[in-house]
């Protein structure tokens, strides 16, 4: 599986679905706001705490 991201309409039900990324045991929804988007557009990154265990960095590809 080479895909690391995809656009979807709704979250996966991890109890019932083997996702396109393979089996997953947890997930989290992170919502960004307009200011977050402006920060990304300004060249900054967002650092997201995931499950109090991982950090995911989001950057805008230009």
Foldseek 3Di string as FASTA:
>chain_A
DPDPDDDDDDDDPLVPDQDPVGRDDDDDDDDDDPVQVVCLVVVDWDWDQDPVPDTDIDHDDD
